PDB file of N, CA and C in Angstrom:
ATOM      1  N   MET A   1     102.328  90.849  77.747  1.00  0.00           N
ATOM      2  CA  MET A   1     101.931  91.044  79.415  1.00  0.00           C
ATOM      3  C   MET A   1     101.896  92.125  80.631  1.00  0.00           C
ATOM      4  N   SER A   2     101.493  92.520  81.148  1.00  0.00           N
ATOM      5  CA  SER A   2     102.059  93.583  82.542  1.00  0.00           C
ATOM      6  C   SER A   2     102.362  92.820  83.406  1.00  0.00           C
ATOM      7  N   LYS A   3     103.541  92.784  84.468  1.00  0.00           N
ATOM      8  CA  LYS A   3     103.564  92.999  85.528  1.00  0.00           C
ATOM      9  C   LYS A   3     102.994  93.322  86.717  1.00  0.00           C
ATOM     10  N   HIS A   4     102.673  93.180  87.559  1.00  0.00           N
ATOM     11  CA  HIS A   4     102.178  93.633  88.446  1.00  0.00           C
ATOM     12  C   HIS A   4     102.323  93.097  90.255  1.00  0.00           C
ATOM     13  N   ASP A   5     103.291  93.617  90.999  1.00  0.00           N
ATOM     14  CA  ASP A   5     103.107  92.472  92.031  1.00  0.00           C
ATOM     15  C   ASP A   5     103.535  90.890  91.964  1.00  0.00           C
ATOM     16  N   GLY A   6     104.357  90.555  91.060  1.00  0.00           N
ATOM     17  CA  GLY A   6     105.029  89.532  90.223  1.00  0.00           C
ATOM     18  C   GLY A   6     103.670  88.651  90.005  1.00  0.00           C
ATOM     19  N   GLU A   7     102.974  89.496  89.588  1.00  0.00           N
ATOM     20  CA  GLU A   7     101.431  88.884  88.643  1.00  0.00           C
ATOM     21  C   GLU A   7     101.631  88.961  87.376  1.00  0.00           C
ATOM     22  N   ALA A   8     101.773  88.493  86.416  1.00  0.00           N
ATOM     23  CA  ALA A   8     100.784  89.071  84.800  1.00  0.00           C
ATOM     24  C   ALA A   8      99.599  88.662  84.639  1.00  0.00           C
ATOM     25  N   LEU A   9      99.498  90.065  84.138  1.00  0.00           N
ATOM     26  CA  LEU A   9      98.059  90.540  83.446  1.00  0.00           C
ATOM     27  C   LEU A   9      98.111  90.244  82.366  1.00  0.00           C
ATOM     28  N   PRO A  10      97.084  89.471  81.941  1.00  0.00           N
ATOM     29  CA  PRO A  10      96.605  89.132  80.486  1.00  0.00           C
ATOM     30  C   PRO A  10      96.341  90.096  79.421  1.00  0.00           C
ATOM     31  N   LEU A  11      96.373  91.602  79.793  1.00  0.00           N
ATOM     32  CA  LEU A  11      96.100  92.892  78.875  1.00  0.00           C
ATOM     33  C   LEU A  11      96.874  94.080  79.208  1.00  0.00           C
ATOM     34  N   ALA A  12      97.691  94.047  78.220  1.00  0.00           N
ATOM     35  CA  ALA A  12      98.635  95.242  78.342  1.00  0.00           C
ATOM     36  C   ALA A  12      98.592  96.136  78.447  1.00  0.00           C
ATOM     37  N   GLY A  13      99.210  96.989  78.882  1.00  0.00           N
ATOM     38  CA  GLY A  13      98.561  98.213  79.671  1.00  0.00           C
ATOM     39  C   GLY A  13      97.083  98.538  80.684  1.00  0.00           C
ATOM     40  N   TYR A  14      96.887  97.239  81.304  1.00  0.00           N
ATOM     41  CA  TYR A  14      95.678  97.373  81.904  1.00  0.00           C
ATOM     42  C   TYR A  14      95.271  98.683  82.214  1.00  0.00           C
ATOM     43  N   ASP A  15      96.508  98.941  83.448  1.00  0.00           N
ATOM     44  CA  ASP A  15      96.140 100.319  84.404  1.00  0.00           C
ATOM     45  C   ASP A  15      95.898 101.381  83.202  1.00  0.00           C
ATOM     46  N   GLU A  16      96.308 101.823  82.192  1.00  0.00           N
ATOM     47  CA  GLU A  16      96.461 103.070  81.523  1.00  0.00           C
ATOM     48  C   GLU A  16      94.753 102.805  80.285  1.00  0.00           C
ATOM     49  N   LEU A  17      94.068 101.611  80.215  1.00  0.00           N
ATOM     50  CA  LEU A  17      93.122 101.607  79.683  1.00  0.00           C
ATOM     51  C   LEU A  17      91.956 102.486  80.271  1.00  0.00           C
ATOM     52  N   PRO A  18      90.848 102.864  79.595  1.00  0.00           N
ATOM     53  CA  PRO A  18      90.078 103.371  79.903  1.00  0.00           C
ATOM     54  C   PRO A  18      88.767 102.732  79.849  1.00  0.00           C
ATOM     55  N   VAL A  19      88.019 102.583  80.859  1.00  0.00           N
ATOM     56  CA  VAL A  19      86.597 101.715  81.037  1.00  0.00           C
ATOM     57  C   VAL A  19      86.155 101.107  79.950  1.00  0.00           C
ATOM     58  N   GLY A  20      85.865 102.311  78.770  1.00  0.00           N
ATOM     59  CA  GLY A  20      85.462 101.499  77.584  1.00  0.00           C
ATOM     60  C   GLY A  20      86.178 101.001  76.621  1.00  0.00           C
ATOM     61  N   ALA A  21      86.875 101.315  76.578  1.00  0.00           N
ATOM     62  CA  ALA A  21      88.080 100.084  76.018  1.00  0.00           C
ATOM     63  C   ALA A  21      88.058  98.608  76.252  1.00  0.00           C
ATOM     64  N   LEU A  22      88.426  98.952  78.051  1.00  0.00           N
ATOM     65  CA  LEU A  22      88.512  98.124  78.388  1.00  0.00           C
ATOM     66  C   LEU A  22      86.780  96.765  78.483  1.00  0.00           C
ATOM     67  N   GLU A  23      86.140  97.592  78.332  1.00  0.00           N
ATOM     68  CA  GLU A  23      84.772  96.158  77.951  1.00  0.00           C
ATOM     69  C   GLU A  23      85.188  95.597  76.956  1.00  0.00           C
ATOM     70  N   HIS A  24      85.474  96.105  75.979  1.00  0.00           N
ATOM     71  CA  HIS A  24      85.702  95.794  74.639  1.00  0.00           C
ATOM     72  C   HIS A  24      87.231  94.413  74.587  1.00  0.00           C
ATOM     73  N   ARG A  25      88.256  94.954  75.326  1.00  0.00           N
ATOM     74  CA  ARG A  25      89.154  93.802  75.649  1.00  0.00           C
ATOM     75  C   ARG A  25      88.523  92.838  76.304  1.00  0.00           C
ATOM     76  N   LEU A  26      87.896  93.089  77.105  1.00  0.00           N
ATOM     77  CA  LEU A  26      87.646  91.552  77.866  1.00  0.00           C
ATOM     78  C   LEU A  26      86.876  90.598  77.183  1.00  0.00           C
ATOM     79  N   ARG A  27      86.406  91.007  76.023  1.00  0.00           N
ATOM     80  CA  ARG A  27      85.711  89.534  75.707  1.00  0.00           C
ATOM     81  C   ARG A  27      86.580  88.900  75.080  1.00  0.00           C
ATOM     82  N   THR A  28      88.330  89.190  74.814  1.00  0.00           N
ATOM     83  CA  THR A  28      88.892  88.331  74.394  1.00  0.00           C
ATOM     84  C   THR A  28      89.545  87.233  75.095  1.00  0.00           C
ATOM     85  N   LEU A  29      89.165  87.661  76.375  1.00  0.00           N
ATOM     86  CA  LEU A  29      89.736  86.983  77.466  1.00  0.00           C
ATOM     87  C   LEU A  29      88.703  85.428  77.878  1.00  0.00           C
ATOM     88  N   ASP A  30      89.592  84.450  78.553  1.00  0.00           N
ATOM     89  CA  ASP A  30      88.956  83.308  79.128  1.00  0.00           C
ATOM     90  C   ASP A  30      88.519  83.320  80.306  1.00  0.00           C
ATOM     91  N   SER A  31      87.982  82.408  81.150  1.00  0.00           N
ATOM     92  CA  SER A  31      87.712  82.732  82.451  1.00  0.00           C
ATOM     93  C   SER A  31      88.767  82.861  83.333  1.00  0.00           C
ATOM     94  N   ALA A  32      89.539  81.982  82.781  1.00  0.00           N
ATOM     95  CA  ALA A  32      91.021  81.807  84.055  1.00  0.00           C
ATOM     96  C   ALA A  32      91.628  83.664  84.151  1.00  0.00           C
ATOM     97  N   GLU A  33      91.594  84.502  83.354  1.00  0.00           N
ATOM     98  CA  GLU A  33      92.350  85.252  82.410  1.00  0.00           C
ATOM     99  C   GLU A  33      91.320  86.392  83.098  1.00  0.00           C
ATOM    100  N   LEU A  34      89.867  86.000  83.104  1.00  0.00           N
ATOM    101  CA  LEU A  34      89.329  87.117  84.209  1.00  0.00           C
ATOM    102  C   LEU A  34      89.726  87.229  85.414  1.00  0.00           C
ATOM    103  N   GLU A  35      89.598  86.285  85.780  1.00  0.00           N
ATOM    104  CA  GLU A  35      89.963  85.768  86.916  1.00  0.00           C
ATOM    105  C   GLU A  35      91.312  86.589  87.790  1.00  0.00           C
ATOM    106  N   VAL A  36      92.030  86.793  86.980  1.00  0.00           N
ATOM    107  CA  VAL A  36      93.250  87.203  87.236  1.00  0.00           C
ATOM    108  C   VAL A  36      92.895  88.768  87.170  1.00  0.00           C
ATOM    109  N   LEU A  37      92.421  89.014  86.545  1.00  0.00           N
ATOM    110  CA  LEU A  37      92.183  90.949  86.307  1.00  0.00           C
ATOM    111  C   LEU A  37      91.440  91.449  87.609  1.00  0.00           C
ATOM    112  N   ARG A  38      90.199  89.898  88.061  1.00  0.00           N
ATOM    113  CA  ARG A  38      89.418  90.678  88.832  1.00  0.00           C
ATOM    114  C   ARG A  38      89.620  90.229  90.249  1.00  0.00           C
ATOM    115  N   HIS A  39      91.144  89.651  90.573  1.00  0.00           N
ATOM    116  CA  HIS A  39      91.435  89.683  91.580  1.00  0.00           C
ATOM    117  C   HIS A  39      92.862  91.211  91.989  1.00  0.00           C
ATOM    118  N   TYR A  40      93.165  91.396  90.369  1.00  0.00           N
ATOM    119  CA  TYR A  40      94.055  92.236  90.493  1.00  0.00           C
ATOM    120  C   TYR A  40      93.330  94.062  90.663  1.00  0.00           C
ATOM    121  N   GLU A  41      91.842  94.194  90.324  1.00  0.00           N
ATOM    122  CA  GLU A  41      91.543  95.114  90.180  1.00  0.00           C
ATOM    123  C   GLU A  41      91.037  94.803  91.619  1.00  0.00           C
ATOM    124  N   HIS A  42      90.554  94.193  92.359  1.00  0.00           N
ATOM    125  CA  HIS A  42      89.475  94.219  93.427  1.00  0.00           C
ATOM    126  C   HIS A  42      90.812  94.876  94.619  1.00  0.00           C
ATOM    127  N   GLU A  43      92.140  94.598  94.019  1.00  0.00           N
ATOM    128  CA  GLU A  43      93.555  94.894  95.376  1.00  0.00           C
ATOM    129  C   GLU A  43      93.767  95.704  94.907  1.00  0.00           C
ATOM    130  N   HIS A  44      93.780  96.403  93.317  1.00  0.00           N
ATOM    131  CA  HIS A  44      94.223  97.582  93.174  1.00  0.00           C
ATOM    132  C   HIS A  44      93.296  99.031  93.679  1.00  0.00           C
ATOM    133  N   ALA A  45      92.341  99.076  92.101  1.00  0.00           N
ATOM    134  CA  ALA A  45      91.442 100.177  91.769  1.00  0.00           C
ATOM    135  C   ALA A  45      90.479  99.813  92.534  1.00  0.00           C
ATOM    136  N   ASN A  46      89.719  98.776  92.340  1.00  0.00           N
ATOM    137  CA  ASN A  46      88.957  98.265  92.786  1.00  0.00           C
ATOM    138  C   ASN A  46      87.356  99.645  92.314  1.00  0.00           C
ATOM    139  N   ARG A  47      87.421  99.192  91.163  1.00  0.00           N
ATOM    140  CA  ARG A  47      86.506 100.077  90.238  1.00  0.00           C
ATOM    141  C   ARG A  47      85.194  98.959  90.207  1.00  0.00           C
ATOM    142  N   THR A  48      84.230  99.679  90.865  1.00  0.00           N
ATOM    143  CA  THR A  48      82.574  98.590  90.755  1.00  0.00           C
ATOM    144  C   THR A  48      82.805  98.609  89.668  1.00  0.00           C
ATOM    145  N   ARG A  49      82.421  99.781  88.150  1.00  0.00           N
ATOM    146  CA  ARG A  49      82.089  99.093  87.302  1.00  0.00           C
ATOM    147  C   ARG A  49      82.961  98.364  86.270  1.00  0.00           C
ATOM    148  N   VAL A  50      84.356  98.758  86.440  1.00  0.00           N
ATOM    149  CA  VAL A  50      85.339  96.935  86.142  1.00  0.00           C
ATOM    150  C   VAL A  50      84.793  95.353  86.776  1.00  0.00           C
ATOM    151  N   LEU A  51      84.516  95.614  87.704  1.00  0.00           N
ATOM    152  CA  LEU A  51      84.883  94.916  88.604  1.00  0.00           C
ATOM    153  C   LEU A  51      83.185  93.816  88.135  1.00  0.00           C
ATOM    154  N   GLU A  52      81.750  95.107  87.702  1.00  0.00           N
ATOM    155  CA  GLU A  52      80.885  94.573  87.278  1.00  0.00           C
ATOM    156  C   GLU A  52      81.094  94.089  85.751  1.00  0.00           C
ATOM    157  N   MET A  53      81.811  94.715  85.025  1.00  0.00           N
ATOM    158  CA  MET A  53      81.925  93.917  83.779  1.00  0.00           C
ATOM    159  C   MET A  53      82.632  92.727  83.795  1.00  0.00           C
ATOM    160  N   ILE A  54      83.756  92.804  84.157  1.00  0.00           N
ATOM    161  CA  ILE A  54      84.176  91.206  84.484  1.00  0.00           C
ATOM    162  C   ILE A  54      83.383  90.168  85.461  1.00  0.00           C
ATOM    163  N   ASN A  55      82.439  90.488  85.989  1.00  0.00           N
ATOM    164  CA  ASN A  55      81.161  89.489  86.552  1.00  0.00           C
ATOM    165  C   ASN A  55      80.558  88.617  85.414  1.00  0.00           C
ATOM    166  N   THR A  56      80.357  90.125  84.644  1.00  0.00           N
ATOM    167  CA  THR A  56      78.913  89.578  83.596  1.00  0.00           C
ATOM    168  C   THR A  56      80.003  88.885  82.408  1.00  0.00           C
ATOM    169  N   ARG A  57      80.860  89.367  82.305  1.00  0.00           N
ATOM    170  CA  ARG A  57      81.403  88.607  80.887  1.00  0.00           C
ATOM    171  C   ARG A  57      81.739  86.740  81.102  1.00  0.00           C
ATOM    172  N   GLN A  58      82.317  87.180  82.737  1.00  0.00           N
ATOM    173  CA  GLN A  58      82.658  85.728  83.632  1.00  0.00           C
ATOM    174  C   GLN A  58      80.652  84.777  83.557  1.00  0.00           C
ATOM    175  N   LEU A  59      79.895  85.428  83.895  1.00  0.00           N
ATOM    176  CA  LEU A  59      78.820  84.662  83.817  1.00  0.00           C
ATOM    177  C   LEU A  59      78.451  84.553  82.210  1.00  0.00           C
ATOM    178  N   GLN A  60      78.704  85.108  80.802  1.00  0.00           N
ATOM    179  CA  GLN A  60      78.289  85.119  79.680  1.00  0.00           C
ATOM    180  C   GLN A  60      79.188  83.920  79.419  1.00  0.00           C
ATOM    181  N   LEU A  61      80.205  83.645  79.601  1.00  0.00           N
ATOM    182  CA  LEU A  61      81.638  82.679  79.485  1.00  0.00           C
ATOM    183  C   LEU A  61      81.080  81.363  80.176  1.00  0.00           C
ATOM    184  N   ALA A  62      80.728  81.090  81.231  1.00  0.00           N
ATOM    185  CA  ALA A  62      79.438  80.298  81.870  1.00  0.00           C
ATOM    186  C   ALA A  62      78.490  79.811  81.447  1.00  0.00           C
ATOM    187  N   GLY A  63      78.026  80.596  80.494  1.00  0.00           N
ATOM    188  CA  GLY A  63      76.609  80.147  80.396  1.00  0.00           C
ATOM    189  C   GLY A  63      76.814  79.774  78.176  1.00  0.00           C
ATOM    190  N   GLY A  64      77.767  79.607  78.574  1.00  0.00           N
ATOM    191  CA  GLY A  64      78.294  78.919  76.760  1.00  0.00           C
ATOM    192  C   GLY A  64      79.118  80.012  75.753  1.00  0.00           C
ATOM    193  N   GLY A  65      79.457  80.999  76.571  1.00  0.00           N
ATOM    194  CA  GLY A  65      79.851  81.860  75.463  1.00  0.00           C
ATOM    195  C   GLY A  65      81.162  81.682  75.173  1.00  0.00           C
ATOM    196  N   THR A  66      82.074  82.424  74.297  1.00  0.00           N
ATOM    197  CA  THR A  66      83.583  82.147  73.876  1.00  0.00           C
ATOM    198  C   THR A  66      84.501  83.203  73.808  1.00  0.00           C
ATOM    199  N   PRO A  67      85.817  83.199  73.683  1.00  0.00           N
ATOM    200  CA  PRO A  67      86.178  84.371  74.253  1.00  0.00           C
ATOM    201  C   PRO A  67      86.390  84.821  72.620  1.00  0.00           C
ATOM    202  N   SER A  68      86.197  86.126  71.854  1.00  0.00           N
ATOM    203  CA  SER A  68      86.173  86.856  70.926  1.00  0.00           C
ATOM    204  C   SER A  68      87.941  86.810  70.403  1.00  0.00           C
ATOM    205  N   PRO A  69      87.592  86.723  68.953  1.00  0.00           N
ATOM    206  CA  PRO A  69      88.574  86.594  68.334  1.00  0.00           C
ATOM    207  C   PRO A  69      89.338  87.423  68.331  1.00  0.00           C
ATOM    208  N   GLY A  70      91.305  87.406  68.266  1.00  0.00           N
ATOM    209  CA  GLY A  70      91.721  88.956  68.082  1.00  0.00           C
ATOM    210  C   GLY A  70      92.311  89.133  69.207  1.00  0.00           C
ATOM    211  N   GLY A  71      92.017  88.500  70.567  1.00  0.00           N
ATOM    212  CA  GLY A  71      92.553  88.720  71.811  1.00  0.00           C
ATOM    213  C   GLY A  71      93.813  89.265  71.901  1.00  0.00           C
ATOM    214  N   GLU A  72      94.634  88.004  70.990  1.00  0.00           N
ATOM    215  CA  GLU A  72      96.467  88.738  71.002  1.00  0.00           C
ATOM    216  C   GLU A  72      96.458  90.277  70.389  1.00  0.00           C
ATOM    217  N   ASP A  73      95.735  90.409  69.737  1.00  0.00           N
ATOM    218  CA  ASP A  73      95.936  91.692  68.626  1.00  0.00           C
ATOM    219  C   ASP A  73      96.034  92.640  69.695  1.00  0.00           C
ATOM    220  N   LEU A  74      94.705  92.469  70.451  1.00  0.00           N
ATOM    221  CA  LEU A  74      94.198  93.767  71.433  1.00  0.00           C
ATOM    222  C   LEU A  74      95.310  93.697  72.591  1.00  0.00           C
ATOM    223  N   ARG A  75      95.585  92.629  72.374  1.00  0.00           N
ATOM    224  CA  ARG A  75      96.596  92.732  74.031  1.00  0.00           C
ATOM    225  C   ARG A  75      97.646  93.451  73.551  1.00  0.00           C
ATOM    226  N   GLN A  76      98.610  93.381  72.271  1.00  0.00           N
ATOM    227  CA  GLN A  76      99.677  94.228  72.476  1.00  0.00           C
ATOM    228  C   GLN A  76      99.404  95.264  71.648  1.00  0.00           C
ATOM    229  N   THR A  77      98.140  96.156  71.390  1.00  0.00           N
ATOM    230  CA  THR A  77      97.527  97.589  70.884  1.00  0.00           C
ATOM    231  C   THR A  77      98.294  97.950  71.610  1.00  0.00           C
ATOM    232  N   ALA A  78      98.207  98.318  72.896  1.00  0.00           N
ATOM    233  CA  ALA A  78      99.103  98.933  73.497  1.00  0.00           C
ATOM    234  C   ALA A  78      99.996  99.458  74.098  1.00  0.00           C
ATOM    235  N   ARG A  79     101.027  98.591  73.581  1.00  0.00           N
ATOM    236  CA  ARG A  79     102.525  98.247  73.158  1.00  0.00           C
ATOM    237  C   ARG A  79     102.889  99.338  71.851  1.00  0.00           C
ATOM    238  N   HIS A  80     101.868  98.952  71.163  1.00  0.00           N
ATOM    239  CA  HIS A  80     102.722  99.552  69.541  1.00  0.00           C
ATOM    240  C   HIS A  80     101.909 100.893  69.313  1.00  0.00           C
ATOM    241  N   THR A  81     101.094 101.263  70.134  1.00  0.00           N
ATOM    242  CA  THR A  81     100.876 102.585  70.158  1.00  0.00           C
ATOM    243  C   THR A  81     100.989 103.757  71.125  1.00  0.00           C
ATOM    244  N   ALA A  82     102.295 103.309  71.936  1.00  0.00           N
ATOM    245  CA  ALA A  82     102.880 104.079  72.722  1.00  0.00           C
ATOM    246  C   ALA A  82     103.342 105.338  72.272  1.00  0.00           C
ATOM    247  N   GLY A  83     102.796 106.036  70.978  1.00  0.00           N
ATOM    248  CA  GLY A  83     103.955 106.900  70.897  1.00  0.00           C
ATOM    249  C   GLY A  83     102.919 108.108  70.424  1.00  0.00           C
ATOM    250  N   GLY A  84     103.427 109.295  69.501  1.00  0.00           N
ATOM    251  CA  GLY A  84     102.077 110.253  69.719  1.00  0.00           C
ATOM    252  C   GLY A  84     101.497 109.878  67.661  1.00  0.00           C
ATOM    253  N   SER A  85     101.095 111.037  67.183  1.00  0.00           N
ATOM    254  CA  SER A  85     100.612 110.855  66.176  1.00  0.00           C
ATOM    255  C   SER A  85     101.515 110.333  64.829  1.00  0.00           C
ATOM    256  N   PRO A  86     100.937 109.534  64.228  1.00  0.00           N
ATOM    257  CA  PRO A  86     101.516 109.224  63.078  1.00  0.00           C
ATOM    258  C   PRO A  86     101.644 110.595  61.517  1.00  0.00           C
ATOM    259  N   VAL A  87     101.429 111.555  62.271  1.00  0.00           N
ATOM    260  CA  VAL A  87     101.574 112.676  61.121  1.00  0.00           C
ATOM    261  C   VAL A  87     103.428 113.451  61.143  1.00  0.00           C
ATOM    262  N   THR A  88     103.582 113.198  59.646  1.00  0.00           N
ATOM    263  CA  THR A  88     104.996 114.087  59.768  1.00  0.00           C
ATOM    264  C   THR A  88     104.498 114.883  58.486  1.00  0.00           C
ATOM    265  N   PRO A  89     105.995 116.102  58.179  1.00  0.00           N
ATOM    266  CA  PRO A  89     106.028 116.865  57.466  1.00  0.00           C
ATOM    267  C   PRO A  89     105.811 116.890  56.121  1.00  0.00           C
ATOM    268  N   ALA A  90     106.090 115.295  55.997  1.00  0.00           N
ATOM    269  CA  ALA A  90     106.074 114.967  54.710  1.00  0.00           C
ATOM    270  C   ALA A  90     104.196 114.616  54.486  1.00  0.00           C
ATOM    271  N   THR A  91     103.893 114.190  55.368  1.00  0.00           N
ATOM    272  CA  THR A  91     102.187 113.417  55.308  1.00  0.00           C
ATOM    273  C   THR A  91     101.457 114.059  55.629  1.00  0.00           C
ATOM    274  N   SER A  92     101.456 115.481  55.756  1.00  0.00           N
ATOM    275  CA  SER A  92     100.406 116.503  56.362  1.00  0.00           C
ATOM    276  C   SER A  92     100.083 117.629  55.026  1.00  0.00           C
ATOM    277  N   PRO A  93      98.913 117.513  54.967  1.00  0.00           N
ATOM    278  CA  PRO A  93      98.177 118.400  53.780  1.00  0.00           C
ATOM    279  C   PRO A  93      99.078 119.716  52.903  1.00  0.00           C
ATOM    280  N   GLU A  94      98.337 120.178  52.163  1.00  0.00           N
ATOM    281  CA  GLU A  94      98.989 121.255  51.635  1.00  0.00           C
ATOM    282  C   GLU A  94      98.440 122.434  53.104  1.00  0.00           C
ATOM    283  N   PRO A  95      99.722 123.841  52.895  1.00  0.00           N
ATOM    284  CA  PRO A  95      98.379 124.571  53.531  1.00  0.00           C
ATOM    285  C   PRO A  95      97.263 125.192  53.024  1.00  0.00           C
ATOM    286  N   ILE A  96      96.339 125.632  53.552  1.00  0.00           N
ATOM    287  CA  ILE A  96      95.032 126.242  53.411  1.00  0.00           C
ATOM    288  C   ILE A  96      95.694 127.515  53.382  1.00  0.00           C
ATOM    289  N   HIS A  97      94.913 128.080  52.168  1.00  0.00           N
ATOM    290  CA  HIS A  97      95.129 129.832  51.907  1.00  0.00           C
ATOM    291  C   HIS A  97      93.813 130.241  52.581  1.00  0.00           C
ATOM    292  N   PRO A  98      93.833 131.434  52.691  1.00  0.00           N
ATOM    293  CA  PRO A  98      92.420 132.231  53.080  1.00  0.00           C
ATOM    294  C   PRO A  98      91.742 132.184  51.923  1.00  0.00           C
ATOM    295  N   PRO A  99      89.880 132.373  52.044  1.00  0.00           N
ATOM    296  CA  PRO A  99      89.862 132.859  51.299  1.00  0.00           C
ATOM    297  C   PRO A  99      89.264 133.879  50.659  1.00  0.00           C
ATOM    298  N   PRO A 100      88.539 134.784  49.569  1.00  0.00           N
ATOM    299  CA  PRO A 100      89.020 135.555  49.372  1.00  0.00           C
ATOM    300  C   PRO A 100      88.255 136.750  50.000  1.00  0.00           C
ATOM    301  N   HIS A 101      87.322 136.275  50.510  1.00  0.00           N
ATOM    302  CA  HIS A 101      86.267 137.061  51.291  1.00  0.00           C
ATOM    303  C   HIS A 101      87.249 137.777  53.091  1.00  0.00           C
ATOM    304  N   GLY A 102      87.797 137.088  53.403  1.00  0.00           N
ATOM    305  CA  GLY A 102      88.814 137.379  53.866  1.00  0.00           C
ATOM    306  C   GLY A 102      88.585 136.407  55.387  1.00  0.00           C
ATOM    307  N   THR A 103      89.251 136.347  56.401  1.00  0.00           N
ATOM    308  CA  THR A 103      89.237 135.564  57.315  1.00  0.00           C
ATOM    309  C   THR A 103      89.208 136.712  58.940  1.00  0.00           C
ATOM    310  N   PRO A 104      88.395 136.325  60.305  1.00  0.00           N
ATOM    311  CA  PRO A 104      88.815 137.402  61.032  1.00  0.00           C
ATOM    312  C   PRO A 104      90.049 138.352  61.576  1.00  0.00           C
ATOM    313  N   ASP A 105      91.269 137.065  61.293  1.00  0.00           N
ATOM    314  CA  ASP A 105      92.411 137.985  61.422  1.00  0.00           C
ATOM    315  C   ASP A 105      92.976 138.938  59.935  1.00  0.00           C
ATOM    316  N   GLN A 106      92.192 138.301  59.375  1.00  0.00           N
ATOM    317  CA  GLN A 106      92.761 139.307  57.597  1.00  0.00           C
ATOM    318  C   GLN A 106      91.623 139.477  56.963  1.00  0.00           C
ATOM    319  N   ARG A 107      91.228 140.827  57.607  1.00  0.00           N
ATOM    320  CA  ARG A 107      90.004 141.443  56.398  1.00  0.00           C
ATOM    321  C   ARG A 107      90.016 141.551  55.041  1.00  0.00           C
ATOM    322  N   ALA A 108      89.037 141.025  54.236  1.00  0.00           N
ATOM    323  CA  ALA A 108      89.048 141.312  52.997  1.00  0.00           C
ATOM    324  C   ALA A 108      89.144 142.646  51.897  1.00  0.00           C
ATOM    325  N   LYS A 109      89.274 142.569  50.964  1.00  0.00           N
ATOM    326  CA  LYS A 109      89.712 143.901  50.480  1.00  0.00           C
ATOM    327  C   LYS A 109      88.714 143.886  49.361  1.00  0.00           C
ATOM    328  N   PRO A 110      87.520 145.076  49.309  1.00  0.00           N
ATOM    329  CA  PRO A 110      86.500 144.448  48.015  1.00  0.00           C
ATOM    330  C   PRO A 110      87.621 145.289  46.484  1.00  0.00           C
ATOM    331  N   LYS A 111      86.840 144.336  45.779  1.00  0.00           N
ATOM    332  CA  LYS A 111      87.743 144.290  44.325  1.00  0.00           C
ATOM    333  C   LYS A 111      88.178 145.708  43.764  1.00  0.00           C
ATOM    334  N   GLY A 112      87.282 146.985  44.007  1.00  0.00           N
ATOM    335  CA  GLY A 112      87.621 147.834  43.590  1.00  0.00           C
ATOM    336  C   GLY A 112      88.701 148.969  44.319  1.00  0.00           C
ATOM    337  N   ASN A 113      89.031 148.084  45.574  1.00  0.00           N
ATOM    338  CA  ASN A 113      90.325 148.824  46.351  1.00  0.00           C
ATOM    339  C   ASN A 113      91.158 148.324  46.293  1.00  0.00           C
ATOM    340  N   ARG A 114      91.565 146.984  45.133  1.00  0.00           N
ATOM    341  CA  ARG A 114      92.670 146.593  45.174  1.00  0.00           C
ATOM    342  C   ARG A 114      93.402 147.294  44.410  1.00  0.00           C
ATOM    343  N   PRO A 115      95.122 147.068  44.617  1.00  0.00           N
ATOM    344  CA  PRO A 115      95.735 147.745  43.526  1.00  0.00           C
ATOM    345  C   PRO A 115      96.012 146.669  42.126  1.00  0.00           C
TER     346      PRO A 115
END
């Protein structure tokens, strides 16, 4: 959980989450957790779209909806993906050789002109 102003947030890395990802992550929270986010959002960024998503999700829960499964995995994703690409020289593909007809940087030679 993230800590801001002494308040624990139910989503790790909340401030760095794009609005599109946040919409899916809100589905994993219960009403109490959504209320914590609503208060935090209102006091800090006060993004209208995010507040609307929180309100909509709270109405869904009040109407009998339940939090989606997998919430704990989603909450910790931000902690585990704080690096770069998992590609290393060992996992990289073999270099691609230019086609026989040439590339913009390397003109092709007709077969008759080759040594």
